[in-house]
Amino acid sequence: MRADRSRFTRLTTAVVALIALASAIVAVAPADAAPLRTKLPLGQYSPVNPARFTSYAYADGGRTFFIAARRLCQIGPTPGNVACSGRTKTAPPRTVGVAITGDMQGPHWIPRGTSYRFGSRAGFRAPALTPGQRITSANVTCAVPRRGVVMCSTVNRAFVLTSATHRFYYPHGDRRHDRNPR
């Protein structure tokens, strides 16, 4: 019986050590790419109260919705998720929007025919984010620097959209994103 407890103790210790190691690796990864936020001058825009843009209806899961540059954008429900509808002239055909998922993947173009849904399921009417304003919610900041332009940034990833072109930002060496125009 004593040998069984010893084996169980060693196994438990090994599992705890592996979990601690995995947590340390995950915790270090975002810090490596933290300078991304400085590439986009989001701090220079006036902040808005995100509560006015957040749907607290159960069906919407606490997502934040806003209209910017004639696009419907949404943040959440989990940290690091952001998406905006519409396409640019440089987007692939049949594109309906762009998304960053959990600050781990993207920006990716969302093709037509997928199950991705833009907008409130509960009927929440998204207010407009006007030029010169920014909103921060769920580890995402989005801003409208001027008419027709929207930019959104997580800790590791970002996108800037206009009607004519787009620009995607992601960690160096990352392969979980779509391309920038040439």
N, C-alpha and C. Protein backbone atom coordinates (compact mmCIF):
# COMPACT_ATOMS: atom_id res chain seq x y z
N MET A 1 0.82 -1.18 0.00
CA MET A 1 0.00 0.00 0.00
C MET A 1 0.87 1.26 0.00
N ARG A 2 1.99 1.21 0.69
CA ARG A 2 2.89 2.36 0.74
C ARG A 2 3.47 2.65 -0.63
N ALA A 3 3.78 1.64 -1.43
CA ALA A 3 4.32 1.83 -2.77
C ALA A 3 3.29 2.49 -3.68
N ASP A 4 2.02 2.15 -3.52
CA ASP A 4 0.97 2.75 -4.34
C ASP A 4 0.85 4.25 -4.05
N ARG A 5 0.93 4.63 -2.76
CA ARG A 5 0.86 6.04 -2.41
C ARG A 5 2.05 6.80 -2.97
N SER A 6 3.21 6.20 -2.91
CA SER A 6 4.42 6.84 -3.41
C SER A 6 4.32 7.05 -4.92
N ARG A 7 3.83 6.05 -5.63
CA ARG A 7 3.65 6.16 -7.07
C ARG A 7 2.61 7.24 -7.39
N PHE A 8 1.52 7.26 -6.62
CA PHE A 8 0.48 8.27 -6.82
C PHE A 8 1.04 9.67 -6.55
N THR A 9 1.83 9.82 -5.51
CA THR A 9 2.42 11.11 -5.17
C THR A 9 3.35 11.58 -6.28
N ARG A 10 4.18 10.69 -6.80
CA ARG A 10 5.08 11.06 -7.90
C ARG A 10 4.30 11.45 -9.15
N LEU A 11 3.26 10.69 -9.46
CA LEU A 11 2.44 10.99 -10.63
C LEU A 11 1.76 12.35 -10.48
N THR A 12 1.20 12.61 -9.29
CA THR A 12 0.55 13.89 -9.03
C THR A 12 1.55 15.04 -9.14
N THR A 13 2.73 14.86 -8.59
CA THR A 13 3.76 15.88 -8.67
C THR A 13 4.16 16.16 -10.12
N ALA A 14 4.28 15.11 -10.91
CA ALA A 14 4.65 15.27 -12.32
C ALA A 14 3.56 16.03 -13.09
N VAL A 15 2.31 15.70 -12.83
CA VAL A 15 1.20 16.37 -13.52
C VAL A 15 1.16 17.85 -13.13
N VAL A 16 1.32 18.14 -11.85
CA VAL A 16 1.32 19.53 -11.39
C VAL A 16 2.48 20.30 -12.02
N ALA A 17 3.65 19.68 -12.10
CA ALA A 17 4.81 20.33 -12.71
C ALA A 17 4.57 20.61 -14.19
N LEU A 18 3.96 19.67 -14.91
CA LEU A 18 3.65 19.89 -16.33
C LEU A 18 2.66 21.03 -16.52
N ILE A 19 1.65 21.08 -15.66
CA ILE A 19 0.67 22.16 -15.75
C ILE A 19 1.33 23.51 -15.47
N ALA A 20 2.21 23.55 -14.46
CA ALA A 20 2.92 24.79 -14.15
C ALA A 20 3.82 25.22 -15.30
N LEU A 21 4.48 24.27 -15.94
CA LEU A 21 5.34 24.58 -17.08
C LEU A 21 4.51 25.11 -18.25
N ALA A 22 3.40 24.45 -18.54
CA ALA A 22 2.54 24.91 -19.63
C ALA A 22 1.99 26.31 -19.34
N SER A 23 1.61 26.57 -18.10
CA SER A 23 1.12 27.91 -17.73
C SER A 23 2.19 28.96 -17.91
N ALA A 24 3.41 28.63 -17.56
CA ALA A 24 4.52 29.59 -17.71
C ALA A 24 4.77 29.89 -19.17
N ILE A 25 4.70 28.88 -20.03
CA ILE A 25 4.92 29.09 -21.46
C ILE A 25 3.83 29.97 -22.04
N VAL A 26 2.58 29.69 -21.69
CA VAL A 26 1.46 30.48 -22.19
C VAL A 26 1.54 31.90 -21.67
N ALA A 27 1.93 32.08 -20.42
CA ALA A 27 2.01 33.42 -19.84
C ALA A 27 3.13 34.23 -20.47
N VAL A 28 4.19 33.60 -20.92
CA VAL A 28 5.32 34.31 -21.51
C VAL A 28 5.05 34.68 -22.96
N ALA A 29 4.28 33.90 -23.68
CA ALA A 29 4.07 34.12 -25.12
C ALA A 29 3.54 35.52 -25.45
N PRO A 30 2.47 36.02 -24.80
CA PRO A 30 2.00 37.35 -25.16
C PRO A 30 3.01 38.45 -24.87
N ALA A 31 3.84 38.30 -23.86
CA ALA A 31 4.81 39.33 -23.52
C ALA A 31 5.83 39.51 -24.63
N ASP A 32 6.15 38.45 -25.37
CA ASP A 32 7.11 38.55 -26.46
C ASP A 32 6.61 39.49 -27.55
N ALA A 33 5.32 39.52 -27.76
CA ALA A 33 4.77 40.32 -28.85
C ALA A 33 4.11 41.60 -28.34
N ALA A 34 4.26 41.93 -27.09
CA ALA A 34 3.59 43.08 -26.50
C ALA A 34 3.85 44.40 -27.21
N PRO A 35 5.02 44.63 -27.85
CA PRO A 35 5.22 45.93 -28.51
C PRO A 35 4.27 46.21 -29.67
N LEU A 36 3.45 45.26 -30.09
CA LEU A 36 2.52 45.47 -31.20
C LEU A 36 1.64 46.69 -30.97
N ARG A 37 1.14 46.88 -29.76
CA ARG A 37 0.23 47.99 -29.48
C ARG A 37 0.86 49.35 -29.83
N THR A 38 2.17 49.46 -29.75
CA THR A 38 2.81 50.73 -30.04
C THR A 38 2.81 51.03 -31.54
N LYS A 39 2.60 50.04 -32.39
CA LYS A 39 2.56 50.27 -33.83
C LYS A 39 1.31 51.06 -34.23
N LEU A 40 0.23 50.84 -33.52
CA LEU A 40 -1.01 51.55 -33.82
C LEU A 40 -1.21 52.61 -32.74
N PRO A 41 -1.40 53.85 -33.13
CA PRO A 41 -1.50 54.95 -32.14
C PRO A 41 -2.88 55.04 -31.51
N LEU A 42 -3.33 53.97 -30.87
CA LEU A 42 -4.68 53.93 -30.33
C LEU A 42 -4.90 54.86 -29.14
N GLY A 43 -3.85 55.15 -28.40
CA GLY A 43 -3.97 55.98 -27.22
C GLY A 43 -4.31 57.43 -27.51
N GLN A 44 -4.13 57.87 -28.72
CA GLN A 44 -4.38 59.29 -29.03
C GLN A 44 -5.86 59.60 -29.27
N TYR A 45 -6.70 58.58 -29.32
CA TYR A 45 -8.13 58.80 -29.58
C TYR A 45 -8.90 58.86 -28.27
N SER A 46 -10.02 59.57 -28.28
CA SER A 46 -10.83 59.74 -27.07
C SER A 46 -11.56 58.45 -26.71
N PRO A 47 -11.45 58.00 -25.46
CA PRO A 47 -12.14 56.77 -25.06
C PRO A 47 -13.64 57.01 -24.89
N VAL A 48 -14.41 55.97 -25.14
CA VAL A 48 -15.85 55.99 -24.90
C VAL A 48 -16.17 54.96 -23.82
N ASN A 49 -17.31 55.10 -23.19
CA ASN A 49 -17.74 54.15 -22.17
C ASN A 49 -18.25 52.88 -22.86
N PRO A 50 -17.56 51.74 -22.67
CA PRO A 50 -17.98 50.52 -23.38
C PRO A 50 -19.33 49.98 -22.92
N ALA A 51 -19.81 50.39 -21.75
CA ALA A 51 -21.10 49.89 -21.27
C ALA A 51 -22.23 50.28 -22.22
N ARG A 52 -22.11 51.45 -22.86
CA ARG A 52 -23.15 51.91 -23.80
C ARG A 52 -23.18 51.05 -25.06
N PHE A 53 -22.08 50.36 -25.37
CA PHE A 53 -21.94 49.57 -26.58
C PHE A 53 -22.11 48.07 -26.32
N THR A 54 -22.33 47.68 -25.07
CA THR A 54 -22.37 46.27 -24.68
C THR A 54 -23.79 45.79 -24.53
N SER A 55 -24.08 44.64 -25.14
CA SER A 55 -25.38 44.00 -24.98
C SER A 55 -25.29 43.02 -23.82
N TYR A 56 -26.14 43.22 -22.83
CA TYR A 56 -26.13 42.33 -21.67
C TYR A 56 -27.17 41.23 -21.79
N ALA A 57 -27.78 41.11 -22.96
CA ALA A 57 -28.75 40.04 -23.18
C ALA A 57 -28.03 38.69 -23.21
N TYR A 58 -28.67 37.70 -22.64
CA TYR A 58 -28.08 36.36 -22.57
C TYR A 58 -27.67 35.85 -23.95
N ALA A 59 -28.49 36.08 -24.95
CA ALA A 59 -28.22 35.59 -26.31
C ALA A 59 -26.96 36.20 -26.91
N ASP A 60 -26.58 37.38 -26.48
CA ASP A 60 -25.39 38.04 -27.01
C ASP A 60 -24.13 37.76 -26.20
N GLY A 61 -24.28 37.17 -25.05
CA GLY A 61 -23.13 36.76 -24.25
C GLY A 61 -22.22 37.89 -23.80
N GLY A 62 -22.74 39.10 -23.68
CA GLY A 62 -21.93 40.22 -23.22
C GLY A 62 -21.03 40.82 -24.30
N ARG A 63 -21.33 40.58 -25.55
CA ARG A 63 -20.52 41.16 -26.63
C ARG A 63 -20.71 42.67 -26.70
N THR A 64 -19.67 43.33 -27.18
CA THR A 64 -19.69 44.76 -27.41
C THR A 64 -19.85 44.98 -28.91
N PHE A 65 -20.82 45.78 -29.32
CA PHE A 65 -21.10 46.03 -30.73
C PHE A 65 -20.94 47.51 -31.04
N PHE A 66 -20.44 47.82 -32.22
CA PHE A 66 -20.39 49.20 -32.66
C PHE A 66 -20.33 49.24 -34.18
N ILE A 67 -20.70 50.39 -34.73
CA ILE A 67 -20.61 50.62 -36.17
C ILE A 67 -19.47 51.60 -36.38
N ALA A 68 -18.58 51.25 -37.30
CA ALA A 68 -17.43 52.11 -37.60
C ALA A 68 -17.08 51.94 -39.07
N ALA A 69 -16.87 53.03 -39.75
CA ALA A 69 -16.48 53.01 -41.17
C ALA A 69 -17.45 52.16 -42.00
N ARG A 70 -18.74 52.30 -41.70
CA ARG A 70 -19.81 51.56 -42.40
C ARG A 70 -19.68 50.05 -42.23
N ARG A 71 -19.09 49.62 -41.13
CA ARG A 71 -18.94 48.20 -40.82
C ARG A 71 -19.56 47.94 -39.45
N LEU A 72 -20.13 46.75 -39.28
CA LEU A 72 -20.59 46.32 -37.97
C LEU A 72 -19.45 45.55 -37.33
N CYS A 73 -19.01 45.99 -36.18
CA CYS A 73 -17.90 45.33 -35.48
C CYS A 73 -18.41 44.79 -34.15
N GLN A 74 -17.75 43.74 -33.67
CA GLN A 74 -18.11 43.17 -32.38
C GLN A 74 -16.87 42.70 -31.65
N ILE A 75 -16.89 42.86 -30.34
CA ILE A 75 -15.80 42.45 -29.47
C ILE A 75 -16.36 41.43 -28.49
N GLY A 76 -15.60 40.36 -28.24
CA GLY A 76 -16.00 39.37 -27.25
C GLY A 76 -16.69 38.18 -27.87
N PRO A 77 -17.30 37.33 -27.11
CA PRO A 77 -17.55 37.45 -25.68
C PRO A 77 -16.33 37.11 -24.81
N THR A 78 -15.35 36.42 -25.36
CA THR A 78 -14.16 36.10 -24.57
C THR A 78 -13.04 37.08 -24.94
N PRO A 79 -12.08 37.29 -24.04
CA PRO A 79 -11.01 38.25 -24.32
C PRO A 79 -10.23 37.91 -25.59
N GLY A 80 -9.87 38.96 -26.33
CA GLY A 80 -9.06 38.80 -27.53
C GLY A 80 -9.84 38.45 -28.78
N ASN A 81 -11.17 38.46 -28.73
CA ASN A 81 -12.00 38.19 -29.91
C ASN A 81 -12.53 39.51 -30.45
N VAL A 82 -12.34 39.73 -31.76
CA VAL A 82 -12.86 40.93 -32.41
C VAL A 82 -13.11 40.61 -33.88
N ALA A 83 -14.16 41.19 -34.44
CA ALA A 83 -14.47 40.99 -35.85
C ALA A 83 -15.19 42.22 -36.38
N CYS A 84 -15.00 42.49 -37.67
CA CYS A 84 -15.72 43.56 -38.36
C CYS A 84 -16.23 43.02 -39.68
N SER A 85 -17.43 43.41 -40.04
CA SER A 85 -18.03 42.96 -41.29
C SER A 85 -17.49 43.78 -42.46
N GLY A 86 -17.79 43.33 -43.66
CA GLY A 86 -17.41 44.06 -44.86
C GLY A 86 -16.09 43.57 -45.44
N ARG A 87 -15.78 44.10 -46.59
CA ARG A 87 -14.53 43.71 -47.24
C ARG A 87 -13.86 44.94 -47.82
N THR A 88 -12.61 44.77 -48.16
CA THR A 88 -11.85 45.82 -48.83
C THR A 88 -11.61 45.38 -50.27
N LYS A 89 -11.10 46.28 -51.09
CA LYS A 89 -10.77 45.90 -52.47
C LYS A 89 -9.65 44.89 -52.53
N THR A 90 -8.82 44.82 -51.48
CA THR A 90 -7.70 43.88 -51.45
C THR A 90 -8.06 42.54 -50.80
N ALA A 91 -9.28 42.37 -50.35
CA ALA A 91 -9.72 41.12 -49.72
C ALA A 91 -10.01 40.08 -50.80
N PRO A 92 -9.92 38.80 -50.44
CA PRO A 92 -10.27 37.75 -51.40
C PRO A 92 -11.75 37.83 -51.78
N PRO A 93 -12.12 37.27 -52.93
CA PRO A 93 -13.53 37.24 -53.32
C PRO A 93 -14.37 36.49 -52.28
N ARG A 94 -15.63 36.81 -52.20
CA ARG A 94 -16.59 36.15 -51.31
C ARG A 94 -16.27 36.36 -49.82
N THR A 95 -15.60 37.44 -49.50
CA THR A 95 -15.28 37.76 -48.11
C THR A 95 -16.41 38.59 -47.50
N VAL A 96 -16.77 38.26 -46.23
CA VAL A 96 -17.83 39.02 -45.56
C VAL A 96 -17.31 39.79 -44.34
N GLY A 97 -16.06 39.57 -43.96
CA GLY A 97 -15.51 40.27 -42.81
C GLY A 97 -14.15 39.75 -42.42
N VAL A 98 -13.65 40.24 -41.30
CA VAL A 98 -12.33 39.84 -40.79
C VAL A 98 -12.47 39.60 -39.28
N ALA A 99 -11.67 38.65 -38.75
CA ALA A 99 -11.76 38.32 -37.32
C ALA A 99 -10.40 37.96 -36.74
N ILE A 100 -10.26 38.25 -35.47
CA ILE A 100 -9.14 37.76 -34.65
C ILE A 100 -9.79 36.91 -33.58
N THR A 101 -9.28 35.71 -33.39
CA THR A 101 -9.88 34.77 -32.45
C THR A 101 -9.00 34.56 -31.23
N GLY A 102 -9.48 34.97 -30.09
CA GLY A 102 -8.82 34.72 -28.82
C GLY A 102 -7.39 35.21 -28.73
N ASP A 103 -7.03 36.19 -29.53
CA ASP A 103 -5.67 36.72 -29.59
C ASP A 103 -4.66 35.64 -29.95
N MET A 104 -5.13 34.53 -30.53
CA MET A 104 -4.25 33.42 -30.88
C MET A 104 -4.20 33.18 -32.38
N GLN A 105 -5.23 33.57 -33.11
CA GLN A 105 -5.29 33.34 -34.54
C GLN A 105 -5.85 34.57 -35.23
N GLY A 106 -5.33 34.83 -36.42
CA GLY A 106 -5.84 35.91 -37.22
C GLY A 106 -4.87 37.07 -37.27
N PRO A 107 -5.27 38.09 -37.92
CA PRO A 107 -6.54 38.32 -38.57
C PRO A 107 -6.77 37.35 -39.75
N HIS A 108 -8.00 36.87 -39.81
CA HIS A 108 -8.44 35.98 -40.89
C HIS A 108 -9.64 36.61 -41.59
N TRP A 109 -9.69 36.44 -42.91
CA TRP A 109 -10.88 36.84 -43.65
C TRP A 109 -11.96 35.80 -43.40
N ILE A 110 -13.19 36.24 -43.25
CA ILE A 110 -14.32 35.34 -43.05
C ILE A 110 -15.01 35.18 -44.40
N PRO A 111 -15.01 33.97 -44.96
CA PRO A 111 -15.65 33.77 -46.26
C PRO A 111 -17.17 33.64 -46.13
N ARG A 112 -17.86 33.98 -47.20
CA ARG A 112 -19.31 33.81 -47.26
C ARG A 112 -19.62 32.31 -47.14
N GLY A 113 -20.74 31.98 -46.54
CA GLY A 113 -21.15 30.59 -46.42
C GLY A 113 -20.69 29.91 -45.14
N THR A 114 -19.96 30.62 -44.26
CA THR A 114 -19.58 30.04 -42.98
C THR A 114 -20.68 30.33 -41.95
N SER A 115 -20.54 29.76 -40.79
CA SER A 115 -21.55 29.97 -39.75
C SER A 115 -21.28 31.23 -38.92
N TYR A 116 -20.24 31.99 -39.26
CA TYR A 116 -19.93 33.20 -38.49
C TYR A 116 -21.08 34.19 -38.61
N ARG A 117 -21.47 34.78 -37.49
CA ARG A 117 -22.61 35.70 -37.48
C ARG A 117 -22.17 37.06 -36.95
N PHE A 118 -22.50 38.09 -37.68
CA PHE A 118 -22.27 39.46 -37.24
C PHE A 118 -23.55 40.01 -36.66
N GLY A 119 -23.43 40.75 -35.58
CA GLY A 119 -24.59 41.42 -35.01
C GLY A 119 -25.21 40.68 -33.85
N SER A 120 -26.10 41.39 -33.20
CA SER A 120 -26.77 40.90 -32.00
C SER A 120 -27.83 39.86 -32.33
N ARG A 121 -27.89 38.83 -31.54
CA ARG A 121 -28.97 37.84 -31.65
C ARG A 121 -30.21 38.32 -30.92
N ALA A 122 -30.02 39.25 -29.99
CA ALA A 122 -31.12 39.72 -29.16
C ALA A 122 -31.72 41.03 -29.66
N GLY A 123 -31.21 41.57 -30.76
CA GLY A 123 -31.77 42.80 -31.31
C GLY A 123 -31.12 44.08 -30.80
N PHE A 124 -29.98 43.98 -30.15
CA PHE A 124 -29.26 45.17 -29.66
C PHE A 124 -28.85 46.02 -30.86
N ARG A 125 -29.14 47.31 -30.80
CA ARG A 125 -28.79 48.23 -31.89
C ARG A 125 -27.44 48.85 -31.58
N ALA A 126 -26.46 48.55 -32.41
CA ALA A 126 -25.09 49.01 -32.19
C ALA A 126 -24.97 50.51 -32.41
N PRO A 127 -24.43 51.24 -31.43
CA PRO A 127 -24.17 52.67 -31.62
C PRO A 127 -22.95 52.87 -32.53
N ALA A 128 -22.82 54.06 -33.07
CA ALA A 128 -21.69 54.37 -33.96
C ALA A 128 -20.50 54.87 -33.14
N LEU A 129 -19.32 54.43 -33.56
CA LEU A 129 -18.06 54.96 -33.04
C LEU A 129 -17.63 55.99 -34.07
N THR A 130 -17.49 57.23 -33.68
CA THR A 130 -17.22 58.31 -34.64
C THR A 130 -15.72 58.57 -34.76
N PRO A 131 -15.29 59.25 -35.83
CA PRO A 131 -13.87 59.56 -35.99
C PRO A 131 -13.28 60.24 -34.75
N GLY A 132 -12.12 59.77 -34.34
CA GLY A 132 -11.45 60.30 -33.17
C GLY A 132 -11.77 59.58 -31.88
N GLN A 133 -12.62 58.54 -31.93
CA GLN A 133 -13.00 57.80 -30.73
C GLN A 133 -12.39 56.40 -30.74
N ARG A 134 -12.25 55.86 -29.51
CA ARG A 134 -11.80 54.48 -29.35
C ARG A 134 -12.61 53.80 -28.27
N ILE A 135 -12.69 52.48 -28.36
CA ILE A 135 -13.40 51.68 -27.37
C ILE A 135 -12.49 50.54 -26.95
N THR A 136 -12.49 50.23 -25.65
CA THR A 136 -11.70 49.12 -25.13
C THR A 136 -12.61 48.20 -24.35
N SER A 137 -12.56 46.91 -24.69
CA SER A 137 -13.37 45.90 -24.01
C SER A 137 -12.73 44.54 -24.26
N ALA A 138 -12.73 43.68 -23.26
CA ALA A 138 -12.27 42.29 -23.38
C ALA A 138 -10.89 42.17 -24.03
N ASN A 139 -9.93 42.97 -23.57
CA ASN A 139 -8.55 42.95 -24.08
C ASN A 139 -8.45 43.34 -25.56
N VAL A 140 -9.39 44.11 -26.04
CA VAL A 140 -9.39 44.59 -27.43
C VAL A 140 -9.62 46.10 -27.40
N THR A 141 -8.89 46.82 -28.24
CA THR A 141 -9.13 48.25 -28.43
C THR A 141 -9.36 48.49 -29.91
N CYS A 142 -10.43 49.19 -30.22
CA CYS A 142 -10.72 49.58 -31.60
C CYS A 142 -10.86 51.09 -31.65
N ALA A 143 -10.48 51.66 -32.79
CA ALA A 143 -10.57 53.11 -32.95
C ALA A 143 -10.97 53.45 -34.38
N VAL A 144 -11.50 54.64 -34.53
CA VAL A 144 -11.82 55.20 -35.85
C VAL A 144 -10.95 56.46 -35.99
N PRO A 145 -9.79 56.33 -36.63
CA PRO A 145 -8.91 57.48 -36.75
C PRO A 145 -9.46 58.59 -37.65
N ARG A 146 -10.16 58.20 -38.69
CA ARG A 146 -10.80 59.17 -39.58
C ARG A 146 -11.94 58.46 -40.30
N ARG A 147 -12.75 59.21 -40.98
CA ARG A 147 -13.91 58.66 -41.68
C ARG A 147 -13.48 57.56 -42.65
N GLY A 148 -14.14 56.42 -42.60
CA GLY A 148 -13.86 55.32 -43.52
C GLY A 148 -12.76 54.37 -43.09
N VAL A 149 -12.19 54.57 -41.90
CA VAL A 149 -11.09 53.73 -41.42
C VAL A 149 -11.45 53.18 -40.03
N VAL A 150 -11.22 51.88 -39.82
CA VAL A 150 -11.37 51.28 -38.50
C VAL A 150 -10.13 50.44 -38.23
N MET A 151 -9.64 50.51 -37.00
CA MET A 151 -8.50 49.68 -36.59
C MET A 151 -8.83 49.04 -35.26
N CYS A 152 -8.45 47.75 -35.14
CA CYS A 152 -8.68 47.00 -33.91
C CYS A 152 -7.41 46.26 -33.55
N SER A 153 -7.12 46.21 -32.25
CA SER A 153 -5.90 45.58 -31.78
C SER A 153 -6.15 44.78 -30.51
N THR A 154 -5.57 43.57 -30.49
CA THR A 154 -5.48 42.78 -29.27
C THR A 154 -4.03 42.94 -28.80
N VAL A 155 -3.59 42.15 -27.86
CA VAL A 155 -2.21 42.26 -27.41
C VAL A 155 -1.24 41.84 -28.51
N ASN A 156 -1.56 40.75 -29.23
CA ASN A 156 -0.64 40.18 -30.22
C ASN A 156 -0.99 40.44 -31.67
N ARG A 157 -2.18 40.89 -31.96
CA ARG A 157 -2.65 40.97 -33.34
C ARG A 157 -3.47 42.23 -33.56
N ALA A 158 -3.56 42.66 -34.82
CA ALA A 158 -4.33 43.86 -35.11
C ALA A 158 -4.70 43.87 -36.60
N PHE A 159 -5.69 44.72 -36.93
CA PHE A 159 -6.02 44.96 -38.33
C PHE A 159 -6.45 46.41 -38.50
N VAL A 160 -6.20 46.92 -39.71
CA VAL A 160 -6.65 48.24 -40.11
C VAL A 160 -7.38 48.04 -41.42
N LEU A 161 -8.61 48.55 -41.50
CA LEU A 161 -9.44 48.39 -42.70
C LEU A 161 -9.89 49.73 -43.25
N THR A 162 -9.79 49.87 -44.56
CA THR A 162 -10.39 50.98 -45.28
C THR A 162 -11.19 50.35 -46.41
N SER A 163 -11.88 51.12 -47.19
CA SER A 163 -12.61 50.52 -48.32
C SER A 163 -11.65 50.06 -49.41
N ALA A 164 -10.48 50.68 -49.48
CA ALA A 164 -9.53 50.36 -50.55
C ALA A 164 -8.53 49.26 -50.19
N THR A 165 -8.12 49.18 -48.93
CA THR A 165 -7.05 48.24 -48.58
C THR A 165 -7.16 47.81 -47.12
N HIS A 166 -6.26 46.94 -46.73
CA HIS A 166 -6.20 46.46 -45.35
C HIS A 166 -4.74 46.26 -44.95
N ARG A 167 -4.52 46.18 -43.65
CA ARG A 167 -3.20 45.86 -43.11
C ARG A 167 -3.40 44.98 -41.89
N PHE A 168 -2.73 43.82 -41.85
CA PHE A 168 -2.81 42.90 -40.73
C PHE A 168 -1.49 42.91 -39.97
N TYR A 169 -1.57 42.85 -38.65
CA TYR A 169 -0.39 42.78 -37.78
C TYR A 169 -0.49 41.51 -36.95
N TYR A 170 0.65 40.82 -36.77
CA TYR A 170 0.69 39.55 -36.04
C TYR A 170 2.11 39.32 -35.56
N PRO A 171 2.32 38.40 -34.63
CA PRO A 171 3.67 38.16 -34.11
C PRO A 171 4.62 37.65 -35.20
N HIS A 172 5.88 38.04 -35.09
CA HIS A 172 6.90 37.61 -36.05
C HIS A 172 6.98 36.08 -36.06
N GLY A 173 6.96 35.51 -37.25
CA GLY A 173 7.06 34.06 -37.41
C GLY A 173 5.75 33.32 -37.30
N ASP A 174 4.66 34.02 -36.99
CA ASP A 174 3.36 33.37 -36.84
C ASP A 174 2.81 32.98 -38.21
N ARG A 175 2.11 31.86 -38.27
CA ARG A 175 1.52 31.39 -39.53
C ARG A 175 0.00 31.29 -39.46
N ARG A 176 -0.61 31.72 -38.36
CA ARG A 176 -2.06 31.60 -38.19
C ARG A 176 -2.75 32.92 -38.49
N HIS A 177 -2.61 33.37 -39.74
CA HIS A 177 -3.21 34.64 -40.15
C HIS A 177 -3.29 34.65 -41.67
N ASP A 178 -4.05 35.60 -42.21
CA ASP A 178 -4.10 35.81 -43.66
C ASP A 178 -3.08 36.86 -44.06
N ARG A 179 -2.81 36.95 -45.35
CA ARG A 179 -1.75 37.82 -45.86
C ARG A 179 -2.16 39.28 -45.98
N ASN A 180 -1.13 40.12 -46.01
CA ASN A 180 -1.32 41.53 -46.31
C ASN A 180 -1.23 41.73 -47.82
N PRO A 181 -1.80 42.82 -48.34
CA PRO A 181 -1.66 43.07 -49.77
C PRO A 181 -0.21 43.37 -50.12
N ARG A 182 0.17 43.08 -51.34
CA ARG A 182 1.55 43.33 -51.77
C ARG A 182 1.71 44.73 -52.29
